[in-house]
Amino acid sequence: MSTERDARPFIVVTAILDATARAAAISMSHGDAMERALAASAGLPIAGLEIVELPVTPQAFGALRAHAGLGDGAVAVYDVFPLSAALDAPVRTVAGQFLAAEVLWKLEEIGLLSGVPLNLKLAVPRGWERDPKSIHEKLIGAGALELGADAIETFRAIKTSWDAAAAQAA
């Protein structure tokens, strides 16, 4: 029996979304993001691809939308990140949410969210503490970002294609 670890990156599409947006609008927006991610990763060796949501209050999303220069119709802001293929689904979910939350925490820290307080609820696995430092330590311990050189190069190619598609759409 082989215990060889999958060296390919697992790609998560993070979706910071307005928690009060209509389901139909979110579904359409998610569909567009997944289509873009599939195109960006086409032909590249990945272990999987999924979307991970981080709902935020309408006030926080409005501040993010204003900062990003998005129109009023935007219901989510997306990005892509690589994770270790060895993670199970619950840890992968919280890892994706944590990566998205880090963006928000940084924007809040430098005052770009118009002073709107963040109240983020990450879907931590049972037994995990909810404070960011503890979550970070658990993710590091789980090897969430342990990627080899080939996985990093694969992600760079995906991210380049993802960003180019976003720039073209703008």
N, C-alpha and C. Protein backbone atom coordinates (compact mmCIF):
# COMPACT_ATOMS: atom_id res chain seq x y z
N MET A 1 0.84 -1.18 0.00
CA MET A 1 0.00 0.00 0.00
C MET A 1 0.89 1.24 0.00
N SER A 2 0.62 2.18 -0.87
CA SER A 2 1.42 3.39 -0.99
C SER A 2 0.88 4.49 -0.09
N THR A 3 1.79 5.18 0.56
CA THR A 3 1.39 6.32 1.37
C THR A 3 1.92 7.60 0.75
N GLU A 4 2.23 7.53 -0.55
CA GLU A 4 2.76 8.69 -1.25
C GLU A 4 1.75 9.83 -1.23
N ARG A 5 2.24 11.00 -0.91
CA ARG A 5 1.39 12.18 -0.80
C ARG A 5 1.18 12.80 -2.18
N ASP A 6 -0.04 13.21 -2.46
CA ASP A 6 -0.36 13.86 -3.73
C ASP A 6 0.34 15.21 -3.77
N ALA A 7 1.22 15.40 -4.74
CA ALA A 7 2.01 16.62 -4.82
C ALA A 7 1.30 17.75 -5.57
N ARG A 8 0.17 17.44 -6.18
CA ARG A 8 -0.57 18.48 -6.92
C ARG A 8 -1.27 19.42 -5.94
N PRO A 9 -1.43 20.68 -6.33
CA PRO A 9 -2.17 21.60 -5.45
C PRO A 9 -3.68 21.37 -5.57
N PHE A 10 -4.37 21.56 -4.47
CA PHE A 10 -5.84 21.60 -4.49
C PHE A 10 -6.18 23.08 -4.55
N ILE A 11 -6.95 23.47 -5.55
CA ILE A 11 -7.25 24.89 -5.76
C ILE A 11 -8.60 25.23 -5.13
N VAL A 12 -8.60 26.24 -4.28
CA VAL A 12 -9.86 26.74 -3.73
C VAL A 12 -10.12 28.13 -4.31
N VAL A 13 -11.36 28.31 -4.70
CA VAL A 13 -11.84 29.61 -5.14
C VAL A 13 -12.54 30.19 -3.91
N THR A 14 -11.97 31.23 -3.34
CA THR A 14 -12.60 31.83 -2.17
C THR A 14 -13.63 32.86 -2.61
N ALA A 15 -14.74 32.86 -1.92
CA ALA A 15 -15.83 33.79 -2.23
C ALA A 15 -16.20 34.55 -0.96
N ILE A 16 -15.78 35.80 -0.90
CA ILE A 16 -16.24 36.67 0.18
C ILE A 16 -17.57 37.21 -0.31
N LEU A 17 -18.65 36.87 0.39
CA LEU A 17 -19.95 37.22 -0.16
C LEU A 17 -20.86 37.94 0.82
N ASP A 18 -21.75 38.71 0.24
CA ASP A 18 -22.77 39.41 1.01
C ASP A 18 -23.72 38.36 1.56
N ALA A 19 -23.75 38.25 2.88
CA ALA A 19 -24.55 37.21 3.54
C ALA A 19 -26.04 37.34 3.26
N THR A 20 -26.49 38.51 2.80
CA THR A 20 -27.92 38.69 2.56
C THR A 20 -28.27 38.68 1.07
N ALA A 21 -27.30 38.37 0.22
CA ALA A 21 -27.56 38.36 -1.22
C ALA A 21 -28.52 37.22 -1.57
N ARG A 22 -29.28 37.42 -2.63
CA ARG A 22 -30.22 36.40 -3.10
C ARG A 22 -29.46 35.17 -3.59
N ALA A 23 -30.02 34.02 -3.32
CA ALA A 23 -29.38 32.76 -3.71
C ALA A 23 -29.14 32.68 -5.21
N ALA A 24 -30.09 33.16 -5.99
CA ALA A 24 -29.94 33.11 -7.45
C ALA A 24 -28.75 33.96 -7.91
N ALA A 25 -28.59 35.13 -7.32
CA ALA A 25 -27.47 36.00 -7.68
C ALA A 25 -26.14 35.37 -7.29
N ILE A 26 -26.11 34.74 -6.12
CA ILE A 26 -24.88 34.07 -5.67
C ILE A 26 -24.57 32.90 -6.59
N SER A 27 -25.57 32.12 -6.95
CA SER A 27 -25.35 30.97 -7.83
C SER A 27 -24.78 31.40 -9.18
N MET A 28 -25.33 32.45 -9.74
CA MET A 28 -24.82 32.95 -11.02
C MET A 28 -23.39 33.45 -10.88
N SER A 29 -23.12 34.18 -9.81
CA SER A 29 -21.78 34.72 -9.58
C SER A 29 -20.78 33.58 -9.36
N HIS A 30 -21.17 32.59 -8.55
CA HIS A 30 -20.31 31.43 -8.31
C HIS A 30 -20.04 30.68 -9.61
N GLY A 31 -21.07 30.55 -10.43
CA GLY A 31 -20.90 29.87 -11.71
C GLY A 31 -19.85 30.55 -12.58
N ASP A 32 -19.92 31.88 -12.64
CA ASP A 32 -18.93 32.64 -13.41
C ASP A 32 -17.52 32.43 -12.85
N ALA A 33 -17.40 32.46 -11.52
CA ALA A 33 -16.08 32.29 -10.89
C ALA A 33 -15.54 30.88 -11.13
N MET A 34 -16.38 29.88 -11.01
CA MET A 34 -15.92 28.51 -11.24
C MET A 34 -15.55 28.30 -12.71
N GLU A 35 -16.29 28.90 -13.61
CA GLU A 35 -15.96 28.81 -15.03
C GLU A 35 -14.58 29.41 -15.28
N ARG A 36 -14.33 30.55 -14.67
CA ARG A 36 -13.03 31.21 -14.80
C ARG A 36 -11.91 30.34 -14.20
N ALA A 37 -12.18 29.71 -13.05
CA ALA A 37 -11.18 28.85 -12.41
C ALA A 37 -10.92 27.60 -13.24
N LEU A 38 -11.97 27.03 -13.80
CA LEU A 38 -11.78 25.85 -14.65
C LEU A 38 -10.95 26.19 -15.88
N ALA A 39 -11.22 27.34 -16.49
CA ALA A 39 -10.44 27.77 -17.65
C ALA A 39 -8.98 28.02 -17.25
N ALA A 40 -8.77 28.64 -16.10
CA ALA A 40 -7.42 28.96 -15.64
C ALA A 40 -6.61 27.71 -15.32
N SER A 41 -7.28 26.65 -14.89
CA SER A 41 -6.57 25.43 -14.50
C SER A 41 -6.60 24.34 -15.58
N ALA A 42 -7.23 24.62 -16.70
CA ALA A 42 -7.36 23.62 -17.76
C ALA A 42 -6.00 23.09 -18.19
N GLY A 43 -5.88 21.78 -18.19
CA GLY A 43 -4.66 21.13 -18.64
C GLY A 43 -3.55 21.11 -17.61
N LEU A 44 -3.76 21.68 -16.45
CA LEU A 44 -2.73 21.70 -15.41
C LEU A 44 -3.02 20.62 -14.37
N PRO A 45 -1.97 20.08 -13.77
CA PRO A 45 -2.17 19.01 -12.78
C PRO A 45 -2.63 19.54 -11.43
N ILE A 46 -3.93 19.44 -11.16
CA ILE A 46 -4.46 19.85 -9.86
C ILE A 46 -5.15 18.65 -9.22
N ALA A 47 -5.21 18.66 -7.90
CA ALA A 47 -5.85 17.57 -7.16
C ALA A 47 -7.35 17.77 -7.06
N GLY A 48 -7.82 18.99 -7.23
CA GLY A 48 -9.24 19.29 -7.14
C GLY A 48 -9.45 20.79 -7.19
N LEU A 49 -10.73 21.14 -7.28
CA LEU A 49 -11.11 22.54 -7.38
C LEU A 49 -12.47 22.69 -6.72
N GLU A 50 -12.57 23.62 -5.80
CA GLU A 50 -13.87 23.87 -5.17
C GLU A 50 -13.96 25.31 -4.72
N ILE A 51 -15.19 25.73 -4.48
CA ILE A 51 -15.44 27.09 -3.99
C ILE A 51 -15.66 27.03 -2.49
N VAL A 52 -15.11 28.01 -1.78
CA VAL A 52 -15.26 28.11 -0.34
C VAL A 52 -15.82 29.50 -0.04
N GLU A 53 -16.96 29.54 0.63
CA GLU A 53 -17.63 30.81 0.92
C GLU A 53 -17.25 31.36 2.29
N LEU A 54 -17.13 32.68 2.35
CA LEU A 54 -16.99 33.39 3.61
C LEU A 54 -18.03 34.51 3.60
N PRO A 55 -19.20 34.24 4.19
CA PRO A 55 -20.24 35.29 4.24
C PRO A 55 -19.85 36.40 5.20
N VAL A 56 -20.16 37.64 4.81
CA VAL A 56 -19.92 38.80 5.66
C VAL A 56 -21.18 39.65 5.70
N THR A 57 -21.25 40.51 6.67
CA THR A 57 -22.43 41.38 6.81
C THR A 57 -22.56 42.28 5.58
N PRO A 58 -23.78 42.72 5.30
CA PRO A 58 -23.95 43.63 4.15
C PRO A 58 -23.11 44.90 4.27
N GLN A 59 -22.93 45.41 5.48
CA GLN A 59 -22.13 46.61 5.68
C GLN A 59 -20.66 46.35 5.32
N ALA A 60 -20.13 45.22 5.78
CA ALA A 60 -18.74 44.88 5.47
C ALA A 60 -18.58 44.61 3.99
N PHE A 61 -19.55 43.91 3.39
CA PHE A 61 -19.44 43.64 1.96
C PHE A 61 -19.55 44.93 1.15
N GLY A 62 -20.42 45.83 1.58
CA GLY A 62 -20.55 47.13 0.91
C GLY A 62 -19.25 47.91 0.94
N ALA A 63 -18.56 47.88 2.08
CA ALA A 63 -17.27 48.57 2.18
C ALA A 63 -16.23 47.90 1.28
N LEU A 64 -16.24 46.57 1.22
CA LEU A 64 -15.33 45.85 0.34
C LEU A 64 -15.64 46.15 -1.12
N ARG A 65 -16.92 46.13 -1.45
CA ARG A 65 -17.34 46.42 -2.83
C ARG A 65 -16.89 47.83 -3.24
N ALA A 66 -17.05 48.81 -2.34
CA ALA A 66 -16.63 50.18 -2.63
C ALA A 66 -15.12 50.26 -2.80
N HIS A 67 -14.38 49.59 -1.91
CA HIS A 67 -12.92 49.60 -2.00
C HIS A 67 -12.45 48.98 -3.31
N ALA A 68 -13.09 47.89 -3.71
CA ALA A 68 -12.68 47.17 -4.93
C ALA A 68 -13.22 47.83 -6.20
N GLY A 69 -14.08 48.82 -6.04
CA GLY A 69 -14.64 49.51 -7.20
C GLY A 69 -15.62 48.67 -7.98
N LEU A 70 -16.34 47.80 -7.28
CA LEU A 70 -17.32 46.92 -7.93
C LEU A 70 -18.68 47.60 -7.99
N GLY A 71 -19.47 47.21 -8.95
CA GLY A 71 -20.81 47.76 -9.08
C GLY A 71 -21.74 47.26 -8.00
N ASP A 72 -22.90 47.90 -7.88
CA ASP A 72 -23.88 47.53 -6.86
C ASP A 72 -24.41 46.11 -7.03
N GLY A 73 -24.30 45.55 -8.22
CA GLY A 73 -24.81 44.20 -8.48
C GLY A 73 -23.89 43.09 -8.01
N ALA A 74 -22.67 43.43 -7.64
CA ALA A 74 -21.72 42.41 -7.19
C ALA A 74 -22.18 41.82 -5.87
N VAL A 75 -22.19 40.49 -5.78
CA VAL A 75 -22.59 39.81 -4.54
C VAL A 75 -21.45 39.05 -3.89
N ALA A 76 -20.31 38.96 -4.59
CA ALA A 76 -19.15 38.24 -4.05
C ALA A 76 -17.87 38.75 -4.69
N VAL A 77 -16.79 38.59 -3.95
CA VAL A 77 -15.45 38.89 -4.44
C VAL A 77 -14.67 37.58 -4.36
N TYR A 78 -14.01 37.23 -5.46
CA TYR A 78 -13.36 35.92 -5.57
C TYR A 78 -11.85 36.04 -5.72
N ASP A 79 -11.17 34.99 -5.30
CA ASP A 79 -9.76 34.82 -5.57
C ASP A 79 -9.47 33.32 -5.55
N VAL A 80 -8.28 32.95 -5.99
CA VAL A 80 -7.88 31.54 -5.98
C VAL A 80 -6.64 31.37 -5.11
N PHE A 81 -6.58 30.23 -4.43
CA PHE A 81 -5.45 29.90 -3.57
C PHE A 81 -5.14 28.41 -3.70
N PRO A 82 -3.87 28.05 -3.50
CA PRO A 82 -3.51 26.63 -3.50
C PRO A 82 -3.48 26.10 -2.07
N LEU A 83 -3.91 24.88 -1.92
CA LEU A 83 -3.80 24.20 -0.63
C LEU A 83 -3.21 22.82 -0.86
N SER A 84 -2.72 22.23 0.20
CA SER A 84 -2.21 20.86 0.13
C SER A 84 -3.36 19.92 -0.21
N ALA A 85 -3.10 18.98 -1.09
CA ALA A 85 -4.11 17.99 -1.47
C ALA A 85 -4.41 17.02 -0.33
N ALA A 86 -3.56 17.01 0.69
CA ALA A 86 -3.73 16.07 1.80
C ALA A 86 -4.82 16.48 2.79
N LEU A 87 -5.34 17.69 2.68
CA LEU A 87 -6.34 18.17 3.65
C LEU A 87 -7.68 17.50 3.42
N ASP A 88 -8.38 17.21 4.52
CA ASP A 88 -9.74 16.72 4.37
C ASP A 88 -10.68 17.91 4.17
N ALA A 89 -11.90 17.64 3.76
CA ALA A 89 -12.84 18.70 3.37
C ALA A 89 -13.06 19.75 4.46
N PRO A 90 -13.31 19.39 5.73
CA PRO A 90 -13.54 20.45 6.74
C PRO A 90 -12.32 21.35 6.96
N VAL A 91 -11.13 20.78 6.92
CA VAL A 91 -9.92 21.59 7.11
C VAL A 91 -9.69 22.45 5.87
N ARG A 92 -9.97 21.91 4.70
CA ARG A 92 -9.84 22.68 3.46
C ARG A 92 -10.79 23.87 3.47
N THR A 93 -12.01 23.67 3.97
CA THR A 93 -12.99 24.76 4.05
C THR A 93 -12.50 25.87 4.96
N VAL A 94 -12.06 25.53 6.15
CA VAL A 94 -11.60 26.57 7.07
C VAL A 94 -10.32 27.22 6.56
N ALA A 95 -9.48 26.47 5.86
CA ALA A 95 -8.26 27.05 5.28
C ALA A 95 -8.63 28.10 4.23
N GLY A 96 -9.57 27.77 3.37
CA GLY A 96 -10.02 28.73 2.36
C GLY A 96 -10.64 29.96 3.00
N GLN A 97 -11.49 29.74 4.00
CA GLN A 97 -12.10 30.87 4.70
C GLN A 97 -11.04 31.72 5.39
N PHE A 98 -10.06 31.08 5.97
CA PHE A 98 -9.01 31.82 6.67
C PHE A 98 -8.22 32.69 5.69
N LEU A 99 -7.89 32.14 4.52
CA LEU A 99 -7.17 32.92 3.51
C LEU A 99 -7.99 34.13 3.06
N ALA A 100 -9.29 33.94 2.88
CA ALA A 100 -10.16 35.07 2.51
C ALA A 100 -10.26 36.07 3.65
N ALA A 101 -10.36 35.56 4.88
CA ALA A 101 -10.46 36.43 6.05
C ALA A 101 -9.20 37.27 6.22
N GLU A 102 -8.04 36.69 5.92
CA GLU A 102 -6.79 37.45 6.05
C GLU A 102 -6.80 38.70 5.17
N VAL A 103 -7.40 38.59 4.00
CA VAL A 103 -7.51 39.75 3.11
C VAL A 103 -8.35 40.82 3.80
N LEU A 104 -9.49 40.42 4.35
CA LEU A 104 -10.36 41.37 5.04
C LEU A 104 -9.70 41.98 6.27
N TRP A 105 -9.03 41.15 7.05
CA TRP A 105 -8.36 41.65 8.25
C TRP A 105 -7.29 42.68 7.88
N LYS A 106 -6.56 42.44 6.79
CA LYS A 106 -5.53 43.38 6.35
C LYS A 106 -6.17 44.69 5.89
N LEU A 107 -7.25 44.60 5.11
CA LEU A 107 -7.94 45.81 4.65
C LEU A 107 -8.49 46.60 5.84
N GLU A 108 -9.03 45.88 6.81
CA GLU A 108 -9.54 46.54 8.02
C GLU A 108 -8.41 47.21 8.79
N GLU A 109 -7.30 46.51 8.91
CA GLU A 109 -6.15 47.01 9.65
C GLU A 109 -5.62 48.32 9.07
N ILE A 110 -5.63 48.44 7.76
CA ILE A 110 -5.10 49.66 7.14
C ILE A 110 -6.19 50.69 6.85
N GLY A 111 -7.40 50.42 7.36
CA GLY A 111 -8.47 51.41 7.30
C GLY A 111 -9.20 51.52 5.98
N LEU A 112 -9.15 50.49 5.15
CA LEU A 112 -9.79 50.55 3.85
C LEU A 112 -11.22 50.00 3.81
N LEU A 113 -11.75 49.62 4.95
CA LEU A 113 -13.14 49.15 4.99
C LEU A 113 -14.05 50.16 5.68
N SER A 114 -13.68 51.40 5.62
CA SER A 114 -14.50 52.51 6.12
C SER A 114 -14.90 52.36 7.58
N GLY A 115 -14.08 51.70 8.38
CA GLY A 115 -14.37 51.56 9.79
C GLY A 115 -15.48 50.58 10.12
N VAL A 116 -15.94 49.82 9.14
CA VAL A 116 -16.98 48.82 9.38
C VAL A 116 -16.35 47.64 10.13
N PRO A 117 -16.89 47.30 11.29
CA PRO A 117 -16.31 46.18 12.04
C PRO A 117 -16.60 44.84 11.36
N LEU A 118 -15.62 43.96 11.42
CA LEU A 118 -15.79 42.62 10.85
C LEU A 118 -16.21 41.66 11.95
N ASN A 119 -17.15 40.82 11.64
CA ASN A 119 -17.57 39.76 12.56
C ASN A 119 -17.60 38.48 11.74
N LEU A 120 -16.42 37.88 11.56
CA LEU A 120 -16.30 36.72 10.70
C LEU A 120 -16.48 35.44 11.49
N LYS A 121 -17.25 34.53 10.93
CA LYS A 121 -17.47 33.23 11.56
C LYS A 121 -16.96 32.16 10.61
N LEU A 122 -15.80 31.61 10.96
CA LEU A 122 -15.21 30.56 10.16
C LEU A 122 -15.76 29.21 10.60
N ALA A 123 -15.92 28.31 9.65
CA ALA A 123 -16.49 26.98 9.91
C ALA A 123 -15.40 26.05 10.41
N VAL A 124 -14.98 26.26 11.65
CA VAL A 124 -13.89 25.45 12.20
C VAL A 124 -14.35 24.03 12.52
N PRO A 125 -13.47 23.06 12.31
CA PRO A 125 -13.81 21.68 12.67
C PRO A 125 -14.05 21.54 14.18
N ARG A 126 -14.78 20.52 14.54
CA ARG A 126 -15.07 20.26 15.95
C ARG A 126 -13.78 20.15 16.75
N GLY A 127 -13.78 20.82 17.89
CA GLY A 127 -12.63 20.78 18.78
C GLY A 127 -11.63 21.90 18.56
N TRP A 128 -11.80 22.67 17.49
CA TRP A 128 -10.89 23.78 17.23
C TRP A 128 -11.38 25.02 17.95
N GLU A 129 -10.46 25.82 18.44
CA GLU A 129 -10.82 27.12 19.00
C GLU A 129 -11.06 28.08 17.84
N ARG A 130 -11.79 29.14 18.11
CA ARG A 130 -12.21 30.04 17.03
C ARG A 130 -11.32 31.28 16.85
N ASP A 131 -10.37 31.50 17.72
CA ASP A 131 -9.55 32.71 17.56
C ASP A 131 -8.58 32.50 16.39
N PRO A 132 -8.29 33.58 15.65
CA PRO A 132 -7.46 33.47 14.44
C PRO A 132 -6.08 32.84 14.68
N LYS A 133 -5.44 33.18 15.78
CA LYS A 133 -4.11 32.62 16.04
C LYS A 133 -4.18 31.10 16.19
N SER A 134 -5.17 30.62 16.91
CA SER A 134 -5.34 29.18 17.10
C SER A 134 -5.67 28.48 15.78
N ILE A 135 -6.52 29.10 14.99
CA ILE A 135 -6.87 28.52 13.68
C ILE A 135 -5.63 28.45 12.81
N HIS A 136 -4.86 29.52 12.79
CA HIS A 136 -3.62 29.56 11.99
C HIS A 136 -2.69 28.42 12.41
N GLU A 137 -2.51 28.24 13.71
CA GLU A 137 -1.64 27.17 14.20
C GLU A 137 -2.13 25.80 13.78
N LYS A 138 -3.44 25.58 13.85
CA LYS A 138 -4.01 24.29 13.43
C LYS A 138 -3.78 24.06 11.93
N LEU A 139 -3.95 25.11 11.13
CA LEU A 139 -3.76 24.98 9.68
C LEU A 139 -2.30 24.68 9.35
N ILE A 140 -1.40 25.35 10.02
CA ILE A 140 0.02 25.08 9.81
C ILE A 140 0.32 23.64 10.22
N GLY A 141 -0.22 23.22 11.36
CA GLY A 141 -0.01 21.85 11.84
C GLY A 141 -0.57 20.80 10.88
N ALA A 142 -1.64 21.15 10.18
CA ALA A 142 -2.26 20.23 9.22
C ALA A 142 -1.52 20.24 7.88
N GLY A 143 -0.56 21.16 7.72
CA GLY A 143 0.19 21.23 6.47
C GLY A 143 -0.59 21.87 5.34
N ALA A 144 -1.48 22.79 5.67
CA ALA A 144 -2.37 23.38 4.67
C ALA A 144 -1.63 24.00 3.49
N LEU A 145 -0.50 24.62 3.74
CA LEU A 145 0.22 25.29 2.67
C LEU A 145 1.53 24.59 2.31
N GLU A 146 1.64 23.32 2.65
CA GLU A 146 2.84 22.56 2.28
C GLU A 146 2.73 22.16 0.82
N LEU A 147 3.42 22.91 -0.01
CA LEU A 147 3.38 22.70 -1.45
C LEU A 147 4.80 22.58 -1.98
N GLY A 148 4.99 21.64 -2.88
CA GLY A 148 6.29 21.48 -3.52
C GLY A 148 6.48 22.49 -4.64
N ALA A 149 7.67 22.51 -5.19
CA ALA A 149 8.00 23.47 -6.25
C ALA A 149 7.08 23.32 -7.46
N ASP A 150 6.76 22.09 -7.85
CA ASP A 150 5.88 21.88 -9.00
C ASP A 150 4.48 22.41 -8.72
N ALA A 151 3.99 22.19 -7.51
CA ALA A 151 2.65 22.68 -7.14
C ALA A 151 2.62 24.21 -7.14
N ILE A 152 3.70 24.82 -6.69
CA ILE A 152 3.77 26.28 -6.67
C ILE A 152 3.77 26.82 -8.10
N GLU A 153 4.53 26.19 -8.98
CA GLU A 153 4.56 26.63 -10.38
C GLU A 153 3.20 26.43 -11.04
N THR A 154 2.53 25.34 -10.73
CA THR A 154 1.18 25.11 -11.25
C THR A 154 0.25 26.22 -10.79
N PHE A 155 0.32 26.55 -9.50
CA PHE A 155 -0.53 27.62 -8.99
C PHE A 155 -0.21 28.95 -9.64
N ARG A 156 1.06 29.25 -9.82
CA ARG A 156 1.43 30.53 -10.47
C ARG A 156 0.80 30.64 -11.85
N ALA A 157 0.82 29.54 -12.59
CA ALA A 157 0.21 29.55 -13.93
C ALA A 157 -1.30 29.78 -13.83
N ILE A 158 -1.93 29.14 -12.85
CA ILE A 158 -3.38 29.31 -12.65
C ILE A 158 -3.69 30.75 -12.25
N LYS A 159 -2.94 31.28 -11.32
CA LYS A 159 -3.17 32.64 -10.83
C LYS A 159 -2.96 33.67 -11.94
N THR A 160 -1.95 33.47 -12.77
CA THR A 160 -1.70 34.38 -13.88
C THR A 160 -2.88 34.38 -14.84
N SER A 161 -3.37 33.20 -15.16
CA SER A 161 -4.52 33.08 -16.06
C SER A 161 -5.79 33.67 -15.42
N TRP A 162 -5.98 33.39 -14.14
CA TRP A 162 -7.13 33.92 -13.38
C TRP A 162 -7.12 35.44 -13.40
N ASP A 163 -5.97 36.03 -13.08
CA ASP A 163 -5.86 37.50 -13.05
C ASP A 163 -6.04 38.11 -14.43
N ALA A 164 -5.51 37.45 -15.46
CA ALA A 164 -5.66 37.97 -16.83
C ALA A 164 -7.12 37.96 -17.24
N ALA A 165 -7.86 36.91 -16.88
CA ALA A 165 -9.29 36.85 -17.20
C ALA A 165 -10.05 37.93 -16.47
N ALA A 166 -9.68 38.20 -15.23
CA ALA A 166 -10.34 39.26 -14.46
C ALA A 166 -10.07 40.63 -15.09
N ALA A 167 -8.84 40.86 -15.51
CA ALA A 167 -8.49 42.14 -16.13
C ALA A 167 -9.23 42.33 -17.45
N GLN A 168 -9.37 41.24 -18.18
CA GLN A 168 -10.07 41.30 -19.46
C GLN A 168 -11.57 41.58 -19.28
N ALA A 169 -12.12 41.04 -18.20
CA ALA A 169 -13.56 41.23 -17.92
C ALA A 169 -13.85 42.64 -17.44
N ALA A 170 -12.85 43.29 -16.85
CA ALA A 170 -13.07 44.64 -16.28
C ALA A 170 -13.17 45.72 -17.31
